[in-house]
Amino acid sequence: MKHPTLEDFAGFFSTYPEVAEVYGRHLAAVCPACGELLQQMEALLKRFRHWDPAIVVGEGLEADDLLDALLAKGQDFAAWWPEVEKRGELLSWGVAWVALERASPLLVEETARPRARELALLAAAISENLGPCYHVEWINDLKALAYATVVVAADPAETSRGAVQARLRHTLAATEALEKGTGSESLATEVWDLLVQSGRRL
C-alpha cells in the first residue's frame, strides 16, 4: 500500500482541517510512517509560525537553500532585492521567515548587528510583497517582527537625520503592523521587547 507523502499530509490538513484532525491523527497513531510525517509537519508549523500546513511544508523545505543562494549574490539588502524581484519563488513566507530567523541570533553581538539589519530588511520587504493567500493578519505579524528587528539592529551611534528618520519609520511600521495582526499576545510581547531593547540602546 502506498503511503502519503509529507506534501499529501499537509494538503489534507490544510484543505480538510476538521476531518484531518480526527482521521489524519488516527492514521498517524496506528502507522509509524504516517506518525513521522505528522511530526515533521508539526515541526515545520512550529518553526515557520504559520497556520497553514500546505504553506509551511511547500515553502519550508526549500527556504534555507533559496536564501543561501540569494545571500551568495551579495552582502546586503541592496544586492539581494533585485534578485528577489526577478525570482518569484523568493517572495515567500518561508524565505522571509528564514531571513528573520537568521537575523535574531546576530543581535547579541554589536559587530554582527549590521548583518542582522540587512536580513531583517529583507524579511520586511518580502512581507510587504506577500499575496493574500498568506492571510493579511499573519502577514502583519511577520511585518511587525521584521521591522522591530530592523530597529533593534540599527546602530544607535548613527545620528544623522536620515538614520533617525529611518528608525522612527521602522518603529511606526512595526507598531502599525502589530495593530493589524492576529492579536497574538506572545507575538506582541516579542515585538515590544525588541522595541524596548532598541530604546535602551539609544
Protein backbone atom coordinates (compact mmCIF):
# COMPACT_ATOMS: atom_id res chain seq x y z
CA MET A 1 0.00 0.00 0.00
CA LYS A 2 1.32 3.44 -0.96
CA HIS A 3 1.93 5.82 1.94
CA PRO A 4 1.08 9.52 1.66
CA THR A 5 3.93 11.96 1.20
CA LEU A 6 4.60 14.86 3.54
CA GLU A 7 3.04 17.14 0.93
CA ASP A 8 -0.06 14.89 0.81
CA PHE A 9 -0.37 15.03 4.57
CA ALA A 10 0.00 18.82 4.63
CA GLY A 11 -2.55 19.24 1.85
CA PHE A 12 -5.05 17.06 3.72
CA PHE A 13 -4.67 19.05 6.95
CA SER A 14 -4.80 22.34 5.05
CA THR A 15 -7.85 21.56 2.90
CA TYR A 16 -9.89 19.50 5.36
CA PRO A 17 -8.65 20.59 8.81
CA GLU A 18 -11.61 19.28 10.83
CA VAL A 19 -11.56 15.87 9.14
CA ALA A 20 -7.77 15.67 9.24
CA GLU A 21 -7.68 16.37 12.97
CA VAL A 22 -9.68 13.16 13.51
CA TYR A 23 -8.70 10.78 10.71
CA GLY A 24 -5.23 12.12 9.99
CA ARG A 25 -4.20 11.91 13.62
CA HIS A 26 -5.81 8.47 13.95
CA LEU A 27 -3.82 7.29 10.93
CA ALA A 28 -0.64 8.75 12.40
CA ALA A 29 -1.31 6.94 15.68
CA VAL A 30 -1.56 3.49 14.06
CA CYS A 31 1.02 3.91 11.28
CA PRO A 32 4.61 4.75 12.29
CA ALA A 33 5.44 6.17 8.85
CA CYS A 34 2.43 8.49 8.95
CA GLY A 35 3.24 9.37 12.55
CA GLU A 36 6.66 10.53 11.42
CA LEU A 37 5.08 12.65 8.68
CA LEU A 38 2.79 14.27 11.23
CA GLN A 39 5.77 15.06 13.47
CA GLN A 40 7.65 16.61 10.53
CA MET A 41 4.63 18.71 9.58
CA GLU A 42 4.10 19.93 13.13
CA ALA A 43 7.80 20.77 13.48
CA LEU A 44 7.59 22.93 10.34
CA LEU A 45 4.41 24.62 11.60
CA LYS A 46 6.20 25.46 14.84
CA ARG A 47 9.34 26.69 13.11
CA PHE A 48 7.65 28.87 10.48
CA ARG A 49 4.85 30.09 12.74
CA HIS A 50 2.11 30.00 10.14
CA TRP A 51 -1.23 28.25 10.48
CA ASP A 52 -1.36 26.62 7.02
CA PRO A 53 0.42 23.24 6.74
CA ALA A 54 0.48 23.42 2.94
CA ILE A 55 2.40 26.69 3.05
CA VAL A 56 4.94 25.70 5.67
CA VAL A 57 5.65 22.34 4.04
CA GLY A 58 5.62 23.65 0.47
CA GLU A 59 7.92 26.56 1.28
CA GLY A 60 9.71 25.46 4.41
CA LEU A 61 11.53 22.51 2.88
CA GLU A 62 13.31 24.70 0.32
CA ALA A 63 13.52 28.03 2.16
CA ASP A 64 17.03 27.56 3.57
CA ASP A 65 18.50 26.64 0.19
CA LEU A 66 16.72 29.51 -1.56
CA LEU A 67 18.01 32.01 1.00
CA ASP A 68 21.55 30.62 0.83
CA ALA A 69 21.55 31.07 -2.95
CA LEU A 70 20.23 34.61 -2.59
CA LEU A 71 22.80 35.60 0.04
CA ALA A 72 25.56 34.40 -2.26
CA LYS A 73 24.60 37.22 -4.63
CA GLY A 74 25.93 39.95 -2.34
CA GLN A 75 26.43 41.27 1.15
CA ASP A 76 23.39 43.43 1.77
CA PHE A 77 19.76 44.17 1.02
CA ALA A 78 20.65 46.40 -1.94
CA ALA A 79 22.32 43.44 -3.66
CA TRP A 80 19.67 40.88 -2.70
CA TRP A 81 16.45 42.71 -3.53
CA PRO A 82 16.88 42.95 -7.33
CA GLU A 83 17.29 39.17 -7.37
CA VAL A 84 14.12 38.74 -5.29
CA GLU A 85 12.20 40.87 -7.76
CA LYS A 86 13.38 38.67 -10.63
CA ARG A 87 12.61 35.33 -8.97
CA GLY A 88 9.07 34.90 -7.73
CA GLU A 89 9.89 31.87 -5.57
CA LEU A 90 11.91 34.16 -3.29
CA LEU A 91 8.82 36.21 -2.46
CA SER A 92 7.58 33.67 0.05
CA TRP A 93 6.74 33.38 3.72
CA GLY A 94 9.39 30.67 4.03
CA VAL A 95 12.27 32.77 2.72
CA ALA A 96 11.20 35.81 4.77
CA TRP A 97 10.95 33.74 7.92
CA VAL A 98 14.36 32.10 7.46
CA ALA A 99 15.94 35.53 6.89
CA LEU A 100 14.40 36.76 10.13
CA GLU A 101 15.34 33.55 11.91
CA ARG A 102 18.98 34.07 10.94
CA ALA A 103 18.93 37.72 11.94
CA SER A 104 17.80 37.08 15.53
CA PRO A 105 20.96 35.43 16.94
CA LEU A 106 23.12 38.16 15.37
CA LEU A 107 21.52 40.82 17.56
CA VAL A 108 23.57 39.84 20.60
CA GLU A 109 26.90 40.84 19.03
CA GLU A 110 27.42 44.51 18.19
CA THR A 111 29.66 43.69 15.23
CA ALA A 112 27.06 41.31 13.81
CA ARG A 113 24.10 43.71 14.06
CA PRO A 114 24.63 45.30 10.62
CA ARG A 115 24.19 41.87 9.05
CA ALA A 116 21.12 41.27 11.21
CA ARG A 117 19.66 44.56 9.99
CA GLU A 118 20.16 43.63 6.33
CA LEU A 119 18.49 40.26 6.86
CA ALA A 120 15.59 41.87 8.73
CA LEU A 121 15.19 44.47 5.97
CA LEU A 122 14.95 41.59 3.51
CA ALA A 123 12.28 39.88 5.61
CA ALA A 124 10.34 43.13 5.93
CA ALA A 125 10.49 43.87 2.20
CA ILE A 126 9.30 40.36 1.34
CA SER A 127 6.47 40.68 3.85
CA GLU A 128 5.39 43.91 2.14
CA ASN A 129 5.01 41.99 -1.11
CA LEU A 130 3.28 38.79 0.03
CA GLY A 131 -0.06 37.96 -1.53
CA PRO A 132 -3.39 37.47 0.25
CA CYS A 133 -3.03 33.68 0.22
CA TYR A 134 -0.92 34.09 3.37
CA HIS A 135 -3.76 36.00 5.09
CA VAL A 136 -3.35 39.68 5.88
CA GLU A 137 -3.32 39.29 9.68
CA TRP A 138 -0.49 36.77 9.55
CA ILE A 139 1.47 38.92 7.11
CA ASN A 140 1.18 41.82 9.53
CA ASP A 141 2.53 39.66 12.36
CA LEU A 142 5.56 38.90 10.20
CA LYS A 143 5.95 42.57 9.26
CA ALA A 144 5.79 43.68 12.88
CA LEU A 145 8.52 41.27 13.94
CA ALA A 146 10.70 42.07 10.92
CA TYR A 147 10.52 45.84 11.37
CA ALA A 148 11.11 45.58 15.12
CA THR A 149 14.22 43.53 14.35
CA VAL A 150 15.38 46.19 11.89
CA VAL A 151 15.01 48.81 14.62
CA VAL A 152 16.90 46.91 17.31
CA ALA A 153 19.69 46.07 14.87
CA ALA A 154 20.19 49.71 13.86
CA ASP A 155 23.34 51.47 15.01
CA PRO A 156 22.40 53.97 17.75
CA ALA A 157 25.59 55.88 17.01
CA GLU A 158 24.13 56.84 13.64
CA THR A 159 22.56 60.20 14.49
CA SER A 160 22.20 61.68 11.04
CA ARG A 161 18.74 62.92 10.13
CA GLY A 162 18.28 60.07 7.65
CA ALA A 163 19.24 57.39 10.18
CA VAL A 164 16.95 58.79 12.87
CA GLN A 165 14.07 59.10 10.41
CA ALA A 166 14.62 55.50 9.30
CA ARG A 167 14.46 54.24 12.90
CA LEU A 168 11.26 56.20 13.53
CA ARG A 169 9.73 54.98 10.26
CA HIS A 170 10.55 51.37 11.00
CA THR A 171 9.27 51.65 14.57
CA LEU A 172 5.98 53.05 13.28
CA ALA A 173 5.77 50.27 10.68
CA ALA A 174 6.25 47.66 13.41
CA THR A 175 3.57 49.09 15.70
CA GLU A 176 1.06 49.66 12.88
CA ALA A 177 1.52 46.11 11.61
CA LEU A 178 1.13 44.75 15.13
CA GLU A 179 -2.24 46.50 15.45
CA LYS A 180 -3.42 44.88 12.21
CA GLY A 181 -2.10 41.40 13.04
CA THR A 182 -3.63 38.31 14.56
CA GLY A 183 -3.68 39.72 18.09
CA SER A 184 -1.23 37.11 19.35
CA GLU A 185 -0.11 38.13 22.84
CA SER A 186 3.16 36.23 22.54
CA LEU A 187 3.96 37.97 19.24
CA ALA A 188 3.10 41.37 20.74
CA THR A 189 5.40 40.69 23.68
CA GLU A 190 8.20 39.70 21.32
CA VAL A 191 7.79 42.85 19.22
CA TRP A 192 7.57 45.22 22.19
CA ASP A 193 10.57 43.57 23.86
CA LEU A 194 12.61 44.31 20.74
CA LEU A 195 11.43 47.92 20.56
CA VAL A 196 12.12 48.48 24.25
CA GLN A 197 15.56 46.94 23.81
CA SER A 198 16.27 49.36 20.96
CA GLY A 199 15.22 52.27 23.19
CA ARG A 200 17.65 51.22 25.88
CA ARG A 201 20.50 51.28 23.38
CA LEU A 202 19.86 54.89 22.31
